[in-house]
Amino acid sequence: MPRRVAVIGAGIVGCCTAWYLRERGLEVDVFERRDGVAQETSWGNAGVIAPGYVTPWAAPGMPRKVLSYLFAAEAPVLFRPVASPALARWILRWLRECELARYRVNKSRMQRLAFHSRDALHALRARLGIDDGRRQGYLQLLRGERDLAMTGPARALLEENGVPHRLLDADAVRALEPALAPGVPLAGALWLPEDESASCPDFAQGLADAARAAGVRFVFGCTVRRIVAEGGEVRGVVAEGPGNVPSEGLARGAQAGSAGGALRPYDAVVVAGAVDSLPLLAAHGIRLPIWPVKGYSTTLPLAEGDAGPRHAMIDEAYKVAITPFPGRLRVAGTAELGSPALVPRAAALRTLVKVGSDWFPDAARWQDAQCWVGARPMTPDGPALLGATPVRGLFVNMGHGSTGWAMAAGAGQVVADVVAGRRPEIDLEGLTLDRLR
């Protein structure tokens, strides 16, 4: 079992991984290029933890949907193709995974991790007393009869997996959420009473504080430039930046790295960063099929009174989530496939504002909405990639896409088990790099 471990990335996945590694008795340093935890993709997500709703983006009918949205003013999916061989390969793999049989396999794999992660998250929250504004229940709003009819396959899968759910008519939905605007067409909603919402950044900060108190060292403002391996085995990392990089135990006779900085020796490295971490792995011949599918959100102060929602929800027609946090309201959605550049788009913000103001016109000053954009590291088939790589001592916890918050605790736990040589609590079939062969 390794003794010293470096974790690359202090998003919610990296924080959970670091916590469980330390719990298993390992010395842990977390390297993060930002000046705090959960400041990139983890910051602006929808805040939804809905194992019953977790599903691959590669689904039957999805290619046709993407094409149909190309010229729509407001759309849940934006396709902005760029000249990139990597993107072309990703799309081809994604298209193959849109078949029904593959979709069912991939969804099952994702839900296996999602339900385990929910249990792990509840245990962590109770043990550490972290207040992340948790709210119980999740609504899938259905604007019309077409949306209602299309819930059939989803309800069948929920039934098959024993996920509590109930189809509500419009009156029952409005009784549950009395602030919903009366003028918006509403055919009903799918109610998932055991799903929940909470603030991902608030939880990440609370967990990081607990991890630091337990001995985990967070090295902020510091970028890992290289993972050093010799003879097929990890030796350490080369990192640079103003962060206070731990210097004890430097390898004797260490040489300056090609990108600057000295070798920091570690027995194991876990890559839990986003797409910018992929070159670190590619340098060792590990090329993961992960592409940054951009997601958007806006966060506004809640107006006083009862103008906002009581529960998290998603507008099924636009695939936009509306989530209440203490004192604020987040509206998140729109998946953009194409350029990896994190440039906010007016069309994405228009979609978010339309959906939020349609349902809750008095909940916030919608004219003040500002757009946040983050890169969701997505695999073409949906499930994340966890565990060991061909390089001894090098592990990954990547590719969670839009479900990083829902998957983080469970993924961090099972990856820590793999690093520590323990047997994970769930079957990792279909969740490791083996499925890429």
Protein backbone atom coordinates (compact mmCIF):
# COMPACT_ATOMS: atom_id res chain seq x y z
CA MET A 1 0.00 0.00 0.00
CA PRO A 2 1.36 3.48 -0.85
CA ARG A 3 2.18 5.88 1.94
CA ARG A 4 2.18 9.32 0.30
CA VAL A 5 -0.47 10.26 -2.26
CA ALA A 6 -0.92 13.36 -4.42
CA VAL A 7 -4.43 14.27 -5.53
CA ILE A 8 -4.66 16.57 -8.55
CA GLY A 9 -7.75 18.78 -8.38
CA ALA A 10 -9.74 20.23 -5.47
CA GLY A 11 -13.20 20.15 -6.96
CA ILE A 12 -15.85 18.11 -5.19
CA VAL A 13 -14.43 14.86 -6.62
CA GLY A 14 -10.89 15.68 -5.50
CA CYS A 15 -12.02 16.74 -2.03
CA CYS A 16 -13.96 13.51 -1.50
CA THR A 17 -11.07 11.43 -2.80
CA ALA A 18 -8.63 13.17 -0.45
CA TRP A 19 -10.91 12.67 2.56
CA TYR A 20 -11.27 8.93 2.03
CA LEU A 21 -7.57 8.46 1.29
CA ARG A 22 -6.71 10.14 4.58
CA GLU A 23 -9.35 8.05 6.36
CA ARG A 24 -7.49 4.98 5.12
CA GLY A 25 -4.29 6.17 6.81
CA LEU A 26 -2.45 7.70 3.85
CA GLU A 27 -0.57 11.01 3.77
CA VAL A 28 -2.38 13.21 1.27
CA ASP A 29 -1.48 16.43 -0.54
CA VAL A 30 -4.06 18.04 -2.84
CA PHE A 31 -2.77 20.24 -5.66
CA GLU A 32 -5.16 22.88 -6.99
CA ARG A 33 -4.40 25.68 -9.43
CA ARG A 34 -7.13 27.92 -8.01
CA ASP A 35 -6.95 29.58 -4.61
CA GLY A 36 -9.68 27.46 -3.01
CA VAL A 37 -11.84 24.37 -3.39
CA ALA A 38 -14.72 23.88 -5.84
CA GLN A 39 -14.00 26.99 -7.90
CA GLU A 40 -14.41 25.56 -11.38
CA THR A 41 -17.00 23.05 -12.62
CA SER A 42 -18.08 22.22 -9.05
CA TRP A 43 -19.01 25.82 -8.34
CA GLY A 44 -21.90 26.49 -10.70
CA ASN A 45 -23.68 23.13 -11.02
CA ALA A 46 -27.38 22.64 -10.46
CA GLY A 47 -26.85 21.28 -6.95
CA VAL A 48 -29.05 18.25 -7.62
CA ILE A 49 -28.38 14.80 -6.14
CA ALA A 50 -30.85 12.64 -8.01
CA PRO A 51 -29.68 9.03 -8.43
CA GLY A 52 -33.03 8.08 -9.91
CA TYR A 53 -32.65 10.74 -12.60
CA VAL A 54 -29.00 10.02 -13.46
CA THR A 55 -28.86 9.05 -17.10
CA PRO A 56 -26.34 9.03 -19.97
CA TRP A 57 -26.39 11.86 -22.46
CA ALA A 58 -25.99 9.15 -25.09
CA ALA A 59 -29.62 8.07 -25.35
CA PRO A 60 -31.97 6.85 -28.09
CA GLY A 61 -33.24 9.78 -30.13
CA MET A 62 -30.63 12.19 -28.77
CA PRO A 63 -28.78 12.75 -32.09
CA ARG A 64 -32.04 13.77 -33.74
CA LYS A 65 -32.81 16.10 -30.84
CA VAL A 66 -29.41 17.78 -31.10
CA LEU A 67 -29.94 18.45 -34.79
CA SER A 68 -33.46 19.78 -34.21
CA TYR A 69 -32.13 22.40 -31.79
CA LEU A 70 -29.51 23.82 -34.17
CA PHE A 71 -31.53 26.89 -35.09
CA ALA A 72 -33.76 27.26 -32.03
CA ALA A 73 -33.63 30.55 -30.11
CA GLU A 74 -33.81 28.73 -26.76
CA ALA A 75 -32.55 25.17 -26.62
CA PRO A 76 -31.31 22.65 -24.04
CA VAL A 77 -28.47 21.55 -26.33
CA LEU A 78 -26.14 23.69 -28.40
CA PHE A 79 -23.91 22.11 -31.03
CA ARG A 80 -21.03 24.32 -32.13
CA PRO A 81 -18.69 22.05 -34.11
CA VAL A 82 -15.00 22.86 -34.35
CA ALA A 83 -12.22 21.30 -36.42
CA SER A 84 -10.91 18.78 -33.91
CA PRO A 85 -10.03 15.12 -34.53
CA ALA A 86 -10.54 14.45 -30.81
CA LEU A 87 -14.07 15.88 -30.93
CA ALA A 88 -14.86 13.88 -34.08
CA ARG A 89 -13.73 10.66 -32.39
CA TRP A 90 -15.79 11.52 -29.29
CA ILE A 91 -18.94 12.14 -31.35
CA LEU A 92 -18.54 8.87 -33.28
CA ARG A 93 -18.26 6.92 -30.01
CA TRP A 94 -21.21 8.85 -28.58
CA LEU A 95 -23.37 7.99 -31.59
CA ARG A 96 -22.65 4.28 -31.13
CA GLU A 97 -23.69 4.50 -27.49
CA CYS A 98 -27.10 6.01 -28.32
CA GLU A 99 -28.56 2.57 -29.07
CA LEU A 100 -31.18 1.41 -26.56
CA ALA A 101 -29.23 -1.64 -25.38
CA ARG A 102 -26.09 0.41 -24.75
CA TYR A 103 -28.12 3.14 -23.08
CA ARG A 104 -29.60 0.67 -20.60
CA VAL A 105 -26.18 -0.76 -19.73
CA ASN A 106 -24.64 2.67 -19.27
CA LYS A 107 -27.53 3.98 -17.20
CA SER A 108 -27.32 0.95 -14.92
CA ARG A 109 -23.60 1.54 -14.39
CA MET A 110 -24.14 5.19 -13.57
CA GLN A 111 -26.99 4.50 -11.17
CA ARG A 112 -24.99 1.83 -9.35
CA LEU A 113 -22.40 4.47 -8.47
CA ALA A 114 -25.00 7.21 -7.90
CA PHE A 115 -27.00 5.31 -5.26
CA HIS A 116 -23.83 4.24 -3.48
CA SER A 117 -22.64 7.83 -3.57
CA ARG A 118 -25.86 9.15 -2.07
CA ASP A 119 -25.46 6.78 0.88
CA ALA A 120 -21.82 7.79 1.32
CA LEU A 121 -22.74 11.47 1.16
CA HIS A 122 -25.43 11.07 3.82
CA ALA A 123 -22.94 9.31 6.09
CA LEU A 124 -20.34 12.05 5.60
CA ARG A 125 -22.84 14.84 6.17
CA ALA A 126 -24.10 13.24 9.39
CA ARG A 127 -20.64 12.42 10.68
CA LEU A 128 -19.08 15.83 10.01
CA GLY A 129 -22.13 18.03 10.56
CA ILE A 130 -21.69 19.88 7.26
CA ASP A 131 -24.49 22.34 6.48
CA ASP A 132 -24.93 22.51 2.72
CA GLY A 133 -28.55 23.67 2.58
CA ARG A 134 -29.94 20.22 1.78
CA ARG A 135 -33.58 19.98 0.63
CA GLN A 136 -35.53 16.79 0.06
CA GLY A 137 -37.41 15.90 -3.12
CA TYR A 138 -37.03 16.56 -6.84
CA LEU A 139 -39.64 17.46 -9.46
CA GLN A 140 -39.52 16.82 -13.19
CA LEU A 141 -41.88 19.45 -14.62
CA LEU A 142 -43.81 18.41 -17.75
CA ARG A 143 -45.13 21.29 -19.82
CA GLY A 144 -47.27 19.31 -22.26
CA GLU A 145 -48.77 15.95 -23.08
CA ARG A 146 -45.77 15.09 -25.26
CA ASP A 147 -43.43 15.56 -22.30
CA LEU A 148 -45.79 13.47 -20.19
CA ALA A 149 -45.84 10.64 -22.73
CA MET A 150 -42.06 10.62 -23.00
CA THR A 151 -41.66 9.81 -19.30
CA GLY A 152 -42.81 6.26 -19.99
CA PRO A 153 -39.36 4.69 -20.53
CA ALA A 154 -37.89 6.64 -17.61
CA ARG A 155 -40.67 5.50 -15.28
CA ALA A 156 -40.18 1.91 -16.40
CA LEU A 157 -36.49 2.12 -15.49
CA LEU A 158 -37.31 3.74 -12.15
CA GLU A 159 -39.75 0.93 -11.45
CA GLU A 160 -37.22 -1.67 -12.51
CA ASN A 161 -34.59 -0.21 -10.16
CA GLY A 162 -36.97 0.22 -7.24
CA VAL A 163 -36.71 4.03 -7.21
CA PRO A 164 -39.69 5.66 -5.41
CA HIS A 165 -41.53 7.98 -7.77
CA ARG A 166 -45.01 9.27 -8.44
CA LEU A 167 -46.65 10.88 -11.45
CA LEU A 168 -48.53 13.99 -10.33
CA ASP A 169 -51.24 15.87 -12.15
CA ALA A 170 -51.05 19.66 -12.51
CA ASP A 171 -53.14 20.36 -9.39
CA ALA A 172 -50.96 18.14 -7.22
CA VAL A 173 -47.82 19.81 -8.58
CA ARG A 174 -49.14 23.28 -7.78
CA ALA A 175 -50.13 22.16 -4.29
CA LEU A 176 -46.55 20.99 -3.77
CA GLU A 177 -45.12 24.16 -5.34
CA PRO A 178 -47.65 26.97 -4.85
CA ALA A 179 -45.31 29.66 -6.23
CA LEU A 180 -45.36 28.17 -9.74
CA ALA A 181 -46.71 30.77 -12.16
CA PRO A 182 -50.34 29.98 -13.05
CA GLY A 183 -50.05 30.98 -16.70
CA VAL A 184 -47.47 28.38 -17.75
CA PRO A 185 -48.87 25.21 -19.35
CA LEU A 186 -48.37 22.28 -16.99
CA ALA A 187 -49.40 18.71 -17.77
CA GLY A 188 -47.99 17.31 -14.54
CA ALA A 189 -44.69 16.25 -13.02
CA LEU A 190 -42.68 13.23 -12.02
CA TRP A 191 -41.99 13.43 -8.27
CA LEU A 192 -38.88 11.76 -6.86
CA PRO A 193 -39.25 12.07 -3.07
CA GLU A 194 -35.90 10.50 -2.13
CA ASP A 195 -33.79 12.69 -4.41
CA GLU A 196 -32.44 15.95 -3.04
CA SER A 197 -30.51 19.14 -3.64
CA ALA A 198 -27.72 20.90 -1.78
CA SER A 199 -24.90 23.37 -2.37
CA CYS A 200 -21.90 21.55 -3.81
CA PRO A 201 -19.38 24.34 -3.02
CA ASP A 202 -20.63 24.63 0.58
CA PHE A 203 -20.22 20.89 1.11
CA ALA A 204 -16.80 20.88 -0.57
CA GLN A 205 -15.60 23.66 1.71
CA GLY A 206 -16.90 21.91 4.82
CA LEU A 207 -15.28 18.64 3.77
CA ALA A 208 -11.98 20.37 2.95
CA ASP A 209 -11.97 21.99 6.40
CA ALA A 210 -12.53 18.59 8.02
CA ALA A 211 -9.87 16.97 5.81
CA ARG A 212 -7.36 19.67 6.68
CA ALA A 213 -8.03 19.15 10.38
CA ALA A 214 -7.42 15.42 9.81
CA GLY A 215 -4.02 16.10 8.22
CA VAL A 216 -4.68 16.57 4.50
CA ARG A 217 -2.57 19.36 3.01
CA PHE A 218 -4.14 21.57 0.34
CA VAL A 219 -1.70 23.31 -1.97
CA PHE A 220 -3.56 26.13 -3.68
CA GLY A 221 -2.36 28.31 -6.53
CA CYS A 222 -0.16 25.48 -7.75
CA THR A 223 -0.37 23.61 -11.06
CA VAL A 224 0.95 20.11 -11.61
CA ARG A 225 2.94 20.19 -14.84
CA ARG A 226 4.09 16.58 -15.01
CA ILE A 227 3.49 13.23 -13.42
CA VAL A 228 6.87 11.53 -13.19
CA ALA A 229 7.09 7.78 -13.72
CA GLU A 230 10.07 5.49 -14.14
CA GLY A 231 9.95 1.85 -15.12
CA GLY A 232 6.18 1.97 -15.40
CA GLU A 233 5.76 3.21 -11.83
CA VAL A 234 4.88 6.61 -10.38
CA ARG A 235 7.69 8.52 -8.67
CA GLY A 236 6.03 11.87 -8.02
CA VAL A 237 4.91 15.12 -9.60
CA VAL A 238 6.46 18.33 -10.85
CA ALA A 239 4.39 21.34 -9.83
CA GLU A 240 4.85 25.07 -10.04
CA GLY A 241 3.12 28.18 -8.83
CA PRO A 242 2.98 30.46 -5.81
CA GLY A 243 1.34 27.78 -3.68
CA ASN A 244 3.12 26.50 -0.60
CA VAL A 245 4.19 23.17 -2.05
CA PRO A 246 5.22 20.64 0.61
CA SER A 247 9.00 20.28 0.33
CA GLU A 248 9.79 17.64 2.93
CA GLY A 249 11.04 14.33 1.60
CA LEU A 250 12.29 15.67 -1.74
CA ALA A 251 13.90 12.92 -3.74
CA ARG A 252 17.64 12.87 -3.27
CA GLY A 253 19.29 14.47 -6.27
CA ALA A 254 15.96 15.54 -7.74
CA GLN A 255 16.23 17.34 -11.05
CA ALA A 256 14.29 20.40 -12.12
CA GLY A 257 11.32 19.48 -14.28
CA SER A 258 11.11 20.53 -17.89
CA ALA A 259 8.25 22.86 -17.00
CA GLY A 260 10.13 24.22 -14.00
CA GLY A 261 10.03 23.07 -10.41
CA ALA A 262 11.48 20.03 -8.70
CA LEU A 263 10.24 16.48 -8.36
CA ARG A 264 7.93 16.02 -5.39
CA PRO A 265 8.03 12.33 -4.51
CA TYR A 266 4.80 10.37 -4.08
CA ASP A 267 4.00 6.68 -4.02
CA ALA A 268 0.71 7.28 -5.82
CA VAL A 269 -1.06 10.01 -7.77
CA VAL A 270 -4.83 10.34 -8.27
CA VAL A 271 -5.91 12.57 -11.15
CA ALA A 272 -9.25 14.07 -10.13
CA GLY A 273 -9.08 17.22 -12.19
CA ALA A 274 -11.08 18.17 -15.25
CA VAL A 275 -10.15 18.14 -18.92
CA ASP A 276 -6.99 20.20 -18.44
CA SER A 277 -5.54 17.19 -16.59
CA LEU A 278 -5.82 14.92 -19.63
CA PRO A 279 -2.37 15.85 -21.05
CA LEU A 280 -0.78 14.67 -17.78
CA LEU A 281 -2.14 11.21 -18.54
CA ALA A 282 -1.54 11.35 -22.29
CA ALA A 283 2.16 11.85 -21.58
CA HIS A 284 2.13 8.27 -20.27
CA GLY A 285 0.13 6.87 -23.18
CA ILE A 286 -3.20 7.04 -21.32
CA ARG A 287 -5.69 8.74 -23.61
CA LEU A 288 -9.15 9.01 -22.12
CA PRO A 289 -12.21 9.74 -24.29
CA ILE A 290 -13.33 12.78 -22.31
CA TRP A 291 -14.56 16.01 -23.86
CA PRO A 292 -15.57 19.28 -22.13
CA VAL A 293 -19.30 19.63 -22.71
CA LYS A 294 -20.05 23.10 -21.44
CA GLY A 295 -22.82 23.79 -18.95
CA TYR A 296 -24.30 27.12 -17.93
CA SER A 297 -25.93 28.57 -14.84
CA THR A 298 -27.01 31.80 -13.25
CA THR A 299 -27.37 32.48 -9.53
CA LEU A 300 -29.54 35.29 -8.18
CA PRO A 301 -30.60 36.50 -4.72
CA LEU A 302 -34.07 35.27 -3.80
CA ALA A 303 -36.74 37.91 -3.44
CA GLU A 304 -38.41 38.19 -0.06
CA GLY A 305 -41.62 36.28 0.53
CA ASP A 306 -42.83 32.99 -0.94
CA ALA A 307 -42.02 33.73 -4.57
CA GLY A 308 -39.48 30.93 -4.97
CA PRO A 309 -39.58 27.13 -5.13
CA ARG A 310 -39.59 24.81 -2.12
CA HIS A 311 -37.85 21.96 -3.95
CA ALA A 312 -35.34 21.48 -6.71
CA MET A 313 -36.88 20.79 -10.11
CA ILE A 314 -36.10 20.42 -13.76
CA ASP A 315 -38.08 21.69 -16.72
CA GLU A 316 -38.12 18.58 -18.90
CA ALA A 317 -38.77 20.48 -22.12
CA TYR A 318 -35.66 22.64 -21.77
CA LYS A 319 -33.56 20.38 -19.48
CA VAL A 320 -33.03 23.34 -17.14
CA ALA A 321 -32.86 22.84 -13.38
CA ILE A 322 -34.17 25.36 -10.84
CA THR A 323 -32.66 24.92 -7.39
CA PRO A 324 -33.28 26.94 -4.22
CA PHE A 325 -30.31 27.50 -1.91
CA PRO A 326 -30.42 29.54 1.30
CA GLY A 327 -31.05 33.12 0.17
CA ARG A 328 -30.44 32.45 -3.51
CA LEU A 329 -31.79 30.69 -6.57
CA ARG A 330 -29.75 28.82 -9.14
CA VAL A 331 -30.93 28.04 -12.66
CA ALA A 332 -28.65 25.66 -14.54
CA GLY A 333 -28.69 23.78 -17.80
CA THR A 334 -27.88 23.89 -21.50
CA ALA A 335 -25.26 21.47 -22.76
CA GLU A 336 -22.94 22.85 -25.42
CA LEU A 337 -20.85 20.47 -27.47
CA GLY A 338 -18.07 21.99 -29.51
CA SER A 339 -15.32 24.44 -28.68
CA PRO A 340 -13.75 23.89 -25.24
CA ALA A 341 -13.29 27.66 -24.77
CA LEU A 342 -15.21 28.85 -21.69
CA VAL A 343 -16.97 31.78 -23.34
CA PRO A 344 -20.48 32.57 -22.01
CA ARG A 345 -23.13 32.60 -24.73
CA ALA A 346 -26.10 34.94 -24.77
CA ALA A 347 -28.33 32.17 -26.15
CA ALA A 348 -27.59 29.95 -23.15
CA LEU A 349 -28.39 32.73 -20.68
CA ARG A 350 -31.63 33.50 -22.54
CA THR A 351 -32.70 29.87 -22.12
CA LEU A 352 -31.97 29.90 -18.38
CA VAL A 353 -33.75 33.21 -17.82
CA LYS A 354 -36.74 32.13 -19.89
CA VAL A 355 -37.25 28.95 -17.87
CA GLY A 356 -36.63 30.58 -14.49
CA SER A 357 -38.86 33.57 -15.16
CA ASP A 358 -41.58 31.42 -16.77
CA TRP A 359 -42.07 29.39 -13.61
CA PHE A 360 -41.08 31.91 -10.91
CA PRO A 361 -41.36 35.44 -12.33
CA ASP A 362 -41.27 37.13 -8.92
CA ALA A 363 -38.55 35.03 -7.32
CA ALA A 364 -35.61 37.11 -8.54
CA ARG A 365 -34.56 40.13 -10.60
CA TRP A 366 -34.15 38.19 -13.81
CA GLN A 367 -32.88 41.23 -15.68
CA ASP A 368 -29.77 41.13 -13.45
CA ALA A 369 -28.85 37.55 -14.40
CA GLN A 370 -25.19 36.92 -15.18
CA CYS A 371 -23.95 33.84 -17.00
CA TRP A 372 -21.52 31.30 -15.52
CA VAL A 373 -20.02 28.62 -17.75
CA GLY A 374 -18.11 25.50 -16.77
CA ALA A 375 -16.61 22.52 -18.58
CA ARG A 376 -18.26 19.21 -17.73
CA PRO A 377 -15.74 16.42 -18.41
CA MET A 378 -17.94 13.88 -20.20
CA THR A 379 -17.28 10.42 -21.53
CA PRO A 380 -19.15 9.49 -24.73
CA ASP A 381 -21.03 6.63 -23.05
CA GLY A 382 -21.83 8.38 -19.74
CA PRO A 383 -20.18 6.53 -16.82
CA ALA A 384 -17.06 7.98 -15.22
CA LEU A 385 -13.62 6.36 -15.33
CA LEU A 386 -12.32 5.24 -11.95
CA GLY A 387 -9.34 3.42 -10.50
CA ALA A 388 -6.03 2.08 -11.72
CA THR A 389 -4.22 2.86 -14.97
CA PRO A 390 -1.47 0.89 -16.76
CA VAL A 391 1.09 2.94 -14.82
CA ARG A 392 1.58 1.49 -11.35
CA GLY A 393 0.61 4.00 -8.69
CA LEU A 394 -1.33 6.23 -11.11
CA PHE A 395 -5.10 6.36 -10.65
CA VAL A 396 -8.00 8.36 -12.10
CA ASN A 397 -11.33 9.67 -10.85
CA MET A 398 -12.59 11.51 -13.92
CA GLY A 399 -15.33 11.90 -16.50
CA HIS A 400 -18.36 12.46 -14.26
CA GLY A 401 -19.87 15.00 -16.65
CA SER A 402 -22.88 16.81 -15.21
CA THR A 403 -23.22 14.30 -12.35
CA GLY A 404 -20.03 15.06 -10.42
CA TRP A 405 -21.90 16.31 -7.35
CA ALA A 406 -24.13 13.25 -7.33
CA MET A 407 -21.21 10.83 -7.83
CA ALA A 408 -18.39 12.46 -5.85
CA ALA A 409 -18.67 10.82 -2.42
CA GLY A 410 -19.09 7.31 -3.76
CA ALA A 411 -16.44 7.73 -6.45
CA GLY A 412 -13.97 9.17 -3.94
CA GLN A 413 -14.61 6.25 -1.59
CA VAL A 414 -14.15 3.48 -4.15
CA VAL A 415 -11.04 5.08 -5.70
CA ALA A 416 -9.50 5.46 -2.23
CA ASP A 417 -10.22 1.78 -1.65
CA VAL A 418 -8.48 0.83 -4.90
CA VAL A 419 -5.45 2.98 -4.03
CA ALA A 420 -5.26 1.48 -0.53
CA GLY A 421 -5.60 -2.06 -1.83
CA ARG A 422 -9.06 -2.61 -0.36
CA ARG A 423 -12.05 -4.19 -2.01
CA PRO A 424 -14.55 -1.45 -3.01
CA GLU A 425 -18.07 -1.64 -1.62
CA ILE A 426 -19.62 -1.81 -5.09
CA ASP A 427 -18.83 -3.73 -8.24
CA LEU A 428 -16.68 -1.54 -10.51
CA GLU A 429 -17.60 -3.44 -13.69
CA GLY A 430 -17.98 -0.90 -16.46
CA LEU A 431 -16.58 1.95 -14.36
CA THR A 432 -12.86 1.37 -14.90
CA LEU A 433 -10.47 1.84 -17.81
CA ASP A 434 -11.04 -1.81 -18.74
CA ARG A 435 -14.17 -0.84 -20.65
CA LEU A 436 -12.06 1.19 -23.11
CA ARG A 437 -10.31 -1.91 -24.44
